[in-house]
């Protein structure tokens, strides 16, 4: 299966879970479908869902939870 990288569409803060008390949207080794929510990016108190653009398995996260990200920065690798 080809590798796919999910990129940040814009700069902000990346979150792996919808709120601090909830489990992460996905974990490493989870299977995701195209269109699945895999994280959030917050910009100026607005949260935007980040969706997978391909089917696959989460091989690794390339940024930490609550890390500042730039537009185009790789967020996670799917295999």
PDB file of N, CA and C in Angstrom:
ATOM      1  N   UNK A   1       0.859  -1.171   0.000  1.00  0.00           N
ATOM      2  CA  UNK A   1       0.000   0.000   0.000  1.00  0.00           C
ATOM      3  C   UNK A   1       0.905   1.235   0.000  1.00  0.00           C
ATOM      4  N   UNK A   2       0.598   2.201  -0.831  1.00  0.00           N
ATOM      5  CA  UNK A   2       1.441   3.397  -0.879  1.00  0.00           C
ATOM      6  C   UNK A   2       1.307   4.227   0.390  1.00  0.00           C
ATOM      7  N   UNK A   3       2.356   4.965   0.667  1.00  0.00           N
ATOM      8  CA  UNK A   3       2.369   5.846   1.836  1.00  0.00           C
ATOM      9  C   UNK A   3       1.628   7.135   1.496  1.00  0.00           C
ATOM     10  N   UNK A   4       0.946   7.697   2.480  1.00  0.00           N
ATOM     11  CA  UNK A   4       0.245   8.961   2.293  1.00  0.00           C
ATOM     12  C   UNK A   4       0.549   9.852   3.492  1.00  0.00           C
ATOM     13  N   UNK A   5       0.827  11.102   3.250  1.00  0.00           N
ATOM     14  CA  UNK A   5       1.098  12.061   4.317  1.00  0.00           C
ATOM     15  C   UNK A   5      -0.092  13.020   4.418  1.00  0.00           C
ATOM     16  N   UNK A   6      -0.598  13.201   5.633  1.00  0.00           N
ATOM     17  CA  UNK A   6      -1.640  14.202   5.884  1.00  0.00           C
ATOM     18  C   UNK A   6      -0.930  15.488   6.275  1.00  0.00           C
ATOM     19  N   UNK A   7      -1.223  16.563   5.546  1.00  0.00           N
ATOM     20  CA  UNK A   7      -0.572  17.857   5.769  1.00  0.00           C
ATOM     21  C   UNK A   7      -1.526  18.846   6.433  1.00  0.00           C
ATOM     22  N   UNK A   8      -0.958  19.801   7.145  1.00  0.00           N
ATOM     23  CA  UNK A   8      -1.746  20.909   7.705  1.00  0.00           C
ATOM     24  C   UNK A   8      -2.151  21.830   6.554  1.00  0.00           C
ATOM     25  N   UNK A   9      -3.443  22.114   6.416  1.00  0.00           N
ATOM     26  CA  UNK A   9      -3.862  22.992   5.311  1.00  0.00           C
ATOM     27  C   UNK A   9      -3.580  24.468   5.576  1.00  0.00           C
ATOM     28  N   UNK A  10      -3.356  24.814   6.848  1.00  0.00           N
ATOM     29  CA  UNK A  10      -3.077  26.199   7.222  1.00  0.00           C
ATOM     30  C   UNK A  10      -2.334  26.193   8.552  1.00  0.00           C
ATOM     31  N   UNK A  11      -1.744  27.309   8.942  1.00  0.00           N
ATOM     32  CA  UNK A  11      -1.011  27.341  10.209  1.00  0.00           C
ATOM     33  C   UNK A  11      -1.971  27.410  11.398  1.00  0.00           C
ATOM     34  N   UNK A  12      -1.499  26.901  12.533  1.00  0.00           N
ATOM     35  CA  UNK A  12      -2.299  26.930  13.759  1.00  0.00           C
ATOM     36  C   UNK A  12      -1.721  25.995  14.783  1.00  0.00           C
ATOM     37  N   UNK A  13      -2.584  25.535  15.687  1.00  0.00           N
ATOM     38  CA  UNK A  13      -2.179  24.578  16.721  1.00  0.00           C
ATOM     39  C   UNK A  13      -2.906  23.267  16.446  1.00  0.00           C
ATOM     40  N   UNK A  14      -2.146  22.183  16.366  1.00  0.00           N
ATOM     41  CA  UNK A  14      -2.709  20.868  16.049  1.00  0.00           C
ATOM     42  C   UNK A  14      -3.132  20.154  17.327  1.00  0.00           C
ATOM     43  N   UNK A  15      -4.347  19.622  17.313  1.00  0.00           N
ATOM     44  CA  UNK A  15      -4.867  18.845  18.437  1.00  0.00           C
ATOM     45  C   UNK A  15      -5.254  17.445  17.953  1.00  0.00           C
ATOM     46  N   UNK A  16      -4.887  16.450  18.717  1.00  0.00           N
ATOM     47  CA  UNK A  16      -5.229  15.068  18.369  1.00  0.00           C
ATOM     48  C   UNK A  16      -6.574  14.643  18.940  1.00  0.00           C
ATOM     49  N   UNK A  17      -7.179  15.436  19.827  1.00  0.00           N
ATOM     50  CA  UNK A  17      -8.449  15.064  20.445  1.00  0.00           C
ATOM     51  C   UNK A  17      -9.388  16.269  20.421  1.00  0.00           C
ATOM     52  N   UNK A  18     -10.711  16.014  20.461  1.00  0.00           N
ATOM     53  CA  UNK A  18     -11.663  17.133  20.376  1.00  0.00           C
ATOM     54  C   UNK A  18     -11.675  18.023  21.596  1.00  0.00           C
ATOM     55  N   UNK A  19     -11.349  17.459  22.777  1.00  0.00           N
ATOM     56  CA  UNK A  19     -11.218  18.242  23.999  1.00  0.00           C
ATOM     57  C   UNK A  19     -10.316  17.467  24.947  1.00  0.00           C
ATOM     58  N   UNK A  20      -9.825  18.109  26.008  1.00  0.00           N
ATOM     59  CA  UNK A  20      -8.839  17.435  26.875  1.00  0.00           C
ATOM     60  C   UNK A  20      -9.340  16.152  27.545  1.00  0.00           C
ATOM     61  N   UNK A  21     -10.656  15.998  27.734  1.00  0.00           N
ATOM     62  CA  UNK A  21     -11.189  14.806  28.398  1.00  0.00           C
ATOM     63  C   UNK A  21     -11.529  13.679  27.430  1.00  0.00           C
ATOM     64  N   UNK A  22     -11.498  13.924  26.156  1.00  0.00           N
ATOM     65  CA  UNK A  22     -11.884  12.912  25.167  1.00  0.00           C
ATOM     66  C   UNK A  22     -10.672  12.143  24.662  1.00  0.00           C
ATOM     67  N   UNK A  23     -10.915  10.926  24.184  1.00  0.00           N
ATOM     68  CA  UNK A  23      -9.816  10.170  23.590  1.00  0.00           C
ATOM     69  C   UNK A  23      -9.397  10.791  22.253  1.00  0.00           C
ATOM     70  N   UNK A  24      -8.208  10.475  21.783  1.00  0.00           N
ATOM     71  CA  UNK A  24      -7.764  10.995  20.484  1.00  0.00           C
ATOM     72  C   UNK A  24      -8.683  10.526  19.352  1.00  0.00           C
ATOM     73  N   UNK A  25      -8.738  11.312  18.303  1.00  0.00           N
ATOM     74  CA  UNK A  25      -9.509  10.906  17.126  1.00  0.00           C
ATOM     75  C   UNK A  25      -8.971   9.580  16.603  1.00  0.00           C
ATOM     76  N   UNK A  26      -7.662   9.475  16.499  1.00  0.00           N
ATOM     77  CA  UNK A  26      -7.011   8.246  16.045  1.00  0.00           C
ATOM     78  C   UNK A  26      -5.690   8.085  16.797  1.00  0.00           C
ATOM     79  N   UNK A  27      -5.255   6.843  16.877  1.00  0.00           N
ATOM     80  CA  UNK A  27      -3.957   6.511  17.471  1.00  0.00           C
ATOM     81  C   UNK A  27      -3.099   5.821  16.422  1.00  0.00           C
ATOM     82  N   UNK A  28      -1.814   5.715  16.705  1.00  0.00           N
ATOM     83  CA  UNK A  28      -0.943   4.980  15.806  1.00  0.00           C
ATOM     84  C   UNK A  28      -1.434   3.547  15.729  1.00  0.00           C
ATOM     85  N   UNK A  29      -1.408   2.997  14.551  1.00  0.00           N
ATOM     86  CA  UNK A  29      -1.861   1.649  14.175  1.00  0.00           C
ATOM     87  C   UNK A  29      -3.367   1.559  13.956  1.00  0.00           C
ATOM     88  N   UNK A  30      -4.124   2.664  14.159  1.00  0.00           N
ATOM     89  CA  UNK A  30      -5.550   2.666  13.832  1.00  0.00           C
ATOM     90  C   UNK A  30      -5.726   2.730  12.318  1.00  0.00           C
ATOM     91  N   UNK A  31      -6.807   2.132  11.852  1.00  0.00           N
ATOM     92  CA  UNK A  31      -7.170   2.207  10.442  1.00  0.00           C
ATOM     93  C   UNK A  31      -8.104   3.398  10.250  1.00  0.00           C
ATOM     94  N   UNK A  32      -7.855   4.198   9.217  1.00  0.00           N
ATOM     95  CA  UNK A  32      -8.700   5.350   8.911  1.00  0.00           C
ATOM     96  C   UNK A  32      -9.203   5.248   7.476  1.00  0.00           C
ATOM     97  N   UNK A  33     -10.379   5.786   7.266  1.00  0.00           N
ATOM     98  CA  UNK A  33     -10.961   5.849   5.924  1.00  0.00           C
ATOM     99  C   UNK A  33     -10.831   7.275   5.406  1.00  0.00           C
ATOM    100  N   UNK A  34     -10.802   7.388   4.109  1.00  0.00           N
ATOM    101  CA  UNK A  34     -10.759   8.712   3.497  1.00  0.00           C
ATOM    102  C   UNK A  34     -11.941   9.532   4.009  1.00  0.00           C
ATOM    103  N   UNK A  35     -11.678  10.729   4.447  1.00  0.00           N
ATOM    104  CA  UNK A  35     -12.717  11.612   4.977  1.00  0.00           C
ATOM    105  C   UNK A  35     -12.863  11.553   6.480  1.00  0.00           C
ATOM    106  N   UNK A  36     -12.176  10.607   7.143  1.00  0.00           N
ATOM    107  CA  UNK A  36     -12.250  10.505   8.598  1.00  0.00           C
ATOM    108  C   UNK A  36     -11.545  11.685   9.261  1.00  0.00           C
ATOM    109  N   UNK A  37     -12.102  12.160  10.368  1.00  0.00           N
ATOM    110  CA  UNK A  37     -11.457  13.231  11.130  1.00  0.00           C
ATOM    111  C   UNK A  37     -10.270  12.632  11.879  1.00  0.00           C
ATOM    112  N   UNK A  38      -9.095  13.218  11.707  1.00  0.00           N
ATOM    113  CA  UNK A  38      -7.885  12.714  12.360  1.00  0.00           C
ATOM    114  C   UNK A  38      -7.273  13.734  13.319  1.00  0.00           C
ATOM    115  N   UNK A  39      -7.842  14.938  13.368  1.00  0.00           N
ATOM    116  CA  UNK A  39      -7.328  15.949  14.269  1.00  0.00           C
ATOM    117  C   UNK A  39      -8.038  17.271  14.040  1.00  0.00           C
ATOM    118  N   UNK A  40      -7.603  18.268  14.782  1.00  0.00           N
ATOM    119  CA  UNK A  40      -8.131  19.622  14.659  1.00  0.00           C
ATOM    120  C   UNK A  40      -6.967  20.592  14.562  1.00  0.00           C
ATOM    121  N   UNK A  41      -7.184  21.691  13.880  1.00  0.00           N
ATOM    122  CA  UNK A  41      -6.243  22.809  13.931  1.00  0.00           C
ATOM    123  C   UNK A  41      -7.017  24.029  14.395  1.00  0.00           C
ATOM    124  N   UNK A  42      -6.475  24.672  15.407  1.00  0.00           N
ATOM    125  CA  UNK A  42      -7.091  25.873  15.971  1.00  0.00           C
ATOM    126  C   UNK A  42      -6.353  27.105  15.486  1.00  0.00           C
ATOM    127  N   UNK A  43      -7.138  28.037  14.970  1.00  0.00           N
ATOM    128  CA  UNK A  43      -6.608  29.327  14.543  1.00  0.00           C
ATOM    129  C   UNK A  43      -7.538  30.390  15.101  1.00  0.00           C
ATOM    130  N   UNK A  44      -7.008  31.274  15.926  1.00  0.00           N
ATOM    131  CA  UNK A  44      -7.772  32.386  16.489  1.00  0.00           C
ATOM    132  C   UNK A  44      -9.078  31.901  17.126  1.00  0.00           C
ATOM    133  N   UNK A  45      -8.978  30.839  17.943  1.00  0.00           N
ATOM    134  CA  UNK A  45     -10.113  30.269  18.696  1.00  0.00           C
ATOM    135  C   UNK A  45     -11.150  29.573  17.813  1.00  0.00           C
ATOM    136  N   UNK A  46     -10.830  29.373  16.540  1.00  0.00           N
ATOM    137  CA  UNK A  46     -11.713  28.626  15.632  1.00  0.00           C
ATOM    138  C   UNK A  46     -11.051  27.282  15.371  1.00  0.00           C
ATOM    139  N   UNK A  47     -11.826  26.200  15.467  1.00  0.00           N
ATOM    140  CA  UNK A  47     -11.300  24.863  15.274  1.00  0.00           C
ATOM    141  C   UNK A  47     -11.778  24.307  13.935  1.00  0.00           C
ATOM    142  N   UNK A  48     -10.838  23.797  13.163  1.00  0.00           N
ATOM    143  CA  UNK A  48     -11.144  23.214  11.851  1.00  0.00           C
ATOM    144  C   UNK A  48     -10.754  21.743  11.873  1.00  0.00           C
ATOM    145  N   UNK A  49     -11.684  20.877  11.476  1.00  0.00           N
ATOM    146  CA  UNK A  49     -11.380  19.447  11.421  1.00  0.00           C
ATOM    147  C   UNK A  49     -10.367  19.153  10.319  1.00  0.00           C
ATOM    148  N   UNK A  50      -9.449  18.254  10.636  1.00  0.00           N
ATOM    149  CA  UNK A  50      -8.488  17.767   9.650  1.00  0.00           C
ATOM    150  C   UNK A  50      -8.919  16.356   9.276  1.00  0.00           C
ATOM    151  N   UNK A  51      -9.136  16.130   8.004  1.00  0.00           N
ATOM    152  CA  UNK A  51      -9.627  14.832   7.534  1.00  0.00           C
ATOM    153  C   UNK A  51      -8.563  14.129   6.701  1.00  0.00           C
ATOM    154  N   UNK A  52      -8.575  12.813   6.821  1.00  0.00           N
ATOM    155  CA  UNK A  52      -7.671  12.005   6.007  1.00  0.00           C
ATOM    156  C   UNK A  52      -8.112  12.107   4.551  1.00  0.00           C
ATOM    157  N   UNK A  53      -7.146  12.174   3.672  1.00  0.00           N
ATOM    158  CA  UNK A  53      -7.464  12.229   2.241  1.00  0.00           C
ATOM    159  C   UNK A  53      -7.305  10.876   1.585  1.00  0.00           C
ATOM    160  N   UNK A  54      -7.021   9.845   2.399  1.00  0.00           N
ATOM    161  CA  UNK A  54      -6.824   8.501   1.851  1.00  0.00           C
ATOM    162  C   UNK A  54      -7.164   7.468   2.909  1.00  0.00           C
ATOM    163  N   UNK A  55      -7.439   6.251   2.463  1.00  0.00           N
ATOM    164  CA  UNK A  55      -7.596   5.127   3.383  1.00  0.00           C
ATOM    165  C   UNK A  55      -6.209   4.683   3.804  1.00  0.00           C
ATOM    166  N   UNK A  56      -6.097   4.129   5.015  1.00  0.00           N
ATOM    167  CA  UNK A  56      -4.799   3.604   5.436  1.00  0.00           C
ATOM    168  C   UNK A  56      -4.740   3.363   6.927  1.00  0.00           C
ATOM    169  N   UNK A  57      -3.549   3.045   7.379  1.00  0.00           N
ATOM    170  CA  UNK A  57      -3.267   2.824   8.795  1.00  0.00           C
ATOM    171  C   UNK A  57      -2.319   3.912   9.261  1.00  0.00           C
ATOM    172  N   UNK A  58      -2.591   4.477  10.438  1.00  0.00           N
ATOM    173  CA  UNK A  58      -1.735   5.533  10.980  1.00  0.00           C
ATOM    174  C   UNK A  58      -0.405   4.900  11.381  1.00  0.00           C
ATOM    175  N   UNK A  59       0.631   5.211  10.639  1.00  0.00           N
ATOM    176  CA  UNK A  59       1.967   4.674  10.928  1.00  0.00           C
ATOM    177  C   UNK A  59       2.643   5.496  12.027  1.00  0.00           C
ATOM    178  N   UNK A  60       2.521   6.812  11.932  1.00  0.00           N
ATOM    179  CA  UNK A  60       3.113   7.669  12.959  1.00  0.00           C
ATOM    180  C   UNK A  60       2.591   9.090  12.846  1.00  0.00           C
ATOM    181  N   UNK A  61       2.568   9.759  13.998  1.00  0.00           N
ATOM    182  CA  UNK A  61       2.300  11.192  14.014  1.00  0.00           C
ATOM    183  C   UNK A  61       3.632  11.904  13.846  1.00  0.00           C
ATOM    184  N   UNK A  62       3.636  12.961  13.072  1.00  0.00           N
ATOM    185  CA  UNK A  62       4.864  13.687  12.771  1.00  0.00           C
ATOM    186  C   UNK A  62       4.957  14.990  13.561  1.00  0.00           C
ATOM    187  N   UNK A  63       3.897  15.309  14.326  1.00  0.00           N
ATOM    188  CA  UNK A  63       3.900  16.457  15.237  1.00  0.00           C
ATOM    189  C   UNK A  63       3.252  16.020  16.544  1.00  0.00           C
ATOM    190  N   UNK A  64       3.593  16.695  17.607  1.00  0.00           N
ATOM    191  CA  UNK A  64       3.021  16.401  18.920  1.00  0.00           C
ATOM    192  C   UNK A  64       1.653  17.076  19.066  1.00  0.00           C
ATOM    193  N   UNK A  65       0.846  16.525  19.970  1.00  0.00           N
ATOM    194  CA  UNK A  65      -0.422  17.152  20.305  1.00  0.00           C
ATOM    195  C   UNK A  65      -0.161  18.567  20.846  1.00  0.00           C
ATOM    196  N   UNK A  66      -0.963  19.523  20.408  1.00  0.00           N
ATOM    197  CA  UNK A  66      -0.885  20.928  20.812  1.00  0.00           C
ATOM    198  C   UNK A  66       0.370  21.625  20.307  1.00  0.00           C
ATOM    199  N   UNK A  67       0.953  21.101  19.249  1.00  0.00           N
ATOM    200  CA  UNK A  67       2.124  21.738  18.636  1.00  0.00           C
ATOM    201  C   UNK A  67       1.686  22.780  17.608  1.00  0.00           C
ATOM    202  N   UNK A  68       2.425  23.858  17.520  1.00  0.00           N
ATOM    203  CA  UNK A  68       2.187  24.852  16.471  1.00  0.00           C
ATOM    204  C   UNK A  68       2.657  24.270  15.145  1.00  0.00           C
ATOM    205  N   UNK A  69       1.825  24.417  14.107  1.00  0.00           N
ATOM    206  CA  UNK A  69       2.167  23.890  12.788  1.00  0.00           C
ATOM    207  C   UNK A  69       2.050  24.991  11.746  1.00  0.00           C
ATOM    208  N   UNK A  70       2.792  24.823  10.668  1.00  0.00           N
ATOM    209  CA  UNK A  70       2.739  25.744   9.534  1.00  0.00           C
ATOM    210  C   UNK A  70       1.901  25.125   8.421  1.00  0.00           C
ATOM    211  N   UNK A  71       1.418  25.944   7.520  1.00  0.00           N
ATOM    212  CA  UNK A  71       0.683  25.447   6.362  1.00  0.00           C
ATOM    213  C   UNK A  71       1.582  24.508   5.561  1.00  0.00           C
ATOM    214  N   UNK A  72       1.052  23.351   5.236  1.00  0.00           N
ATOM    215  CA  UNK A  72       1.799  22.378   4.443  1.00  0.00           C
ATOM    216  C   UNK A  72       2.672  21.451   5.260  1.00  0.00           C
ATOM    217  N   UNK A  73       2.752  21.662   6.546  1.00  0.00           N
ATOM    218  CA  UNK A  73       3.590  20.811   7.400  1.00  0.00           C
ATOM    219  C   UNK A  73       2.976  19.417   7.514  1.00  0.00           C
ATOM    220  N   UNK A  74       3.781  18.354   7.377  1.00  0.00           N
ATOM    221  CA  UNK A  74       3.266  16.995   7.547  1.00  0.00           C
ATOM    222  C   UNK A  74       2.795  16.762   8.981  1.00  0.00           C
ATOM    223  N   UNK A  75       1.591  16.195   9.128  1.00  0.00           N
ATOM    224  CA  UNK A  75       1.015  15.924  10.443  1.00  0.00           C
ATOM    225  C   UNK A  75       1.124  14.456  10.826  1.00  0.00           C
ATOM    226  N   UNK A  76       0.866  13.578   9.858  1.00  0.00           N
ATOM    227  CA  UNK A  76       0.918  12.143  10.129  1.00  0.00           C
ATOM    228  C   UNK A  76       1.173  11.380   8.844  1.00  0.00           C
ATOM    229  N   UNK A  77       1.696  10.177   9.042  1.00  0.00           N
ATOM    230  CA  UNK A  77       2.001   9.308   7.896  1.00  0.00           C
ATOM    231  C   UNK A  77       1.068   8.110   7.953  1.00  0.00           C
ATOM    232  N   UNK A  78       0.420   7.842   6.820  1.00  0.00           N
ATOM    233  CA  UNK A  78      -0.445   6.673   6.678  1.00  0.00           C
ATOM    234  C   UNK A  78       0.228   5.666   5.761  1.00  0.00           C
ATOM    235  N   UNK A  79       0.051   4.401   6.078  1.00  0.00           N
ATOM    236  CA  UNK A  79       0.563   3.357   5.172  1.00  0.00           C
ATOM    237  C   UNK A  79      -0.597   2.489   4.728  1.00  0.00           C
TER     238      UNK A  79
END
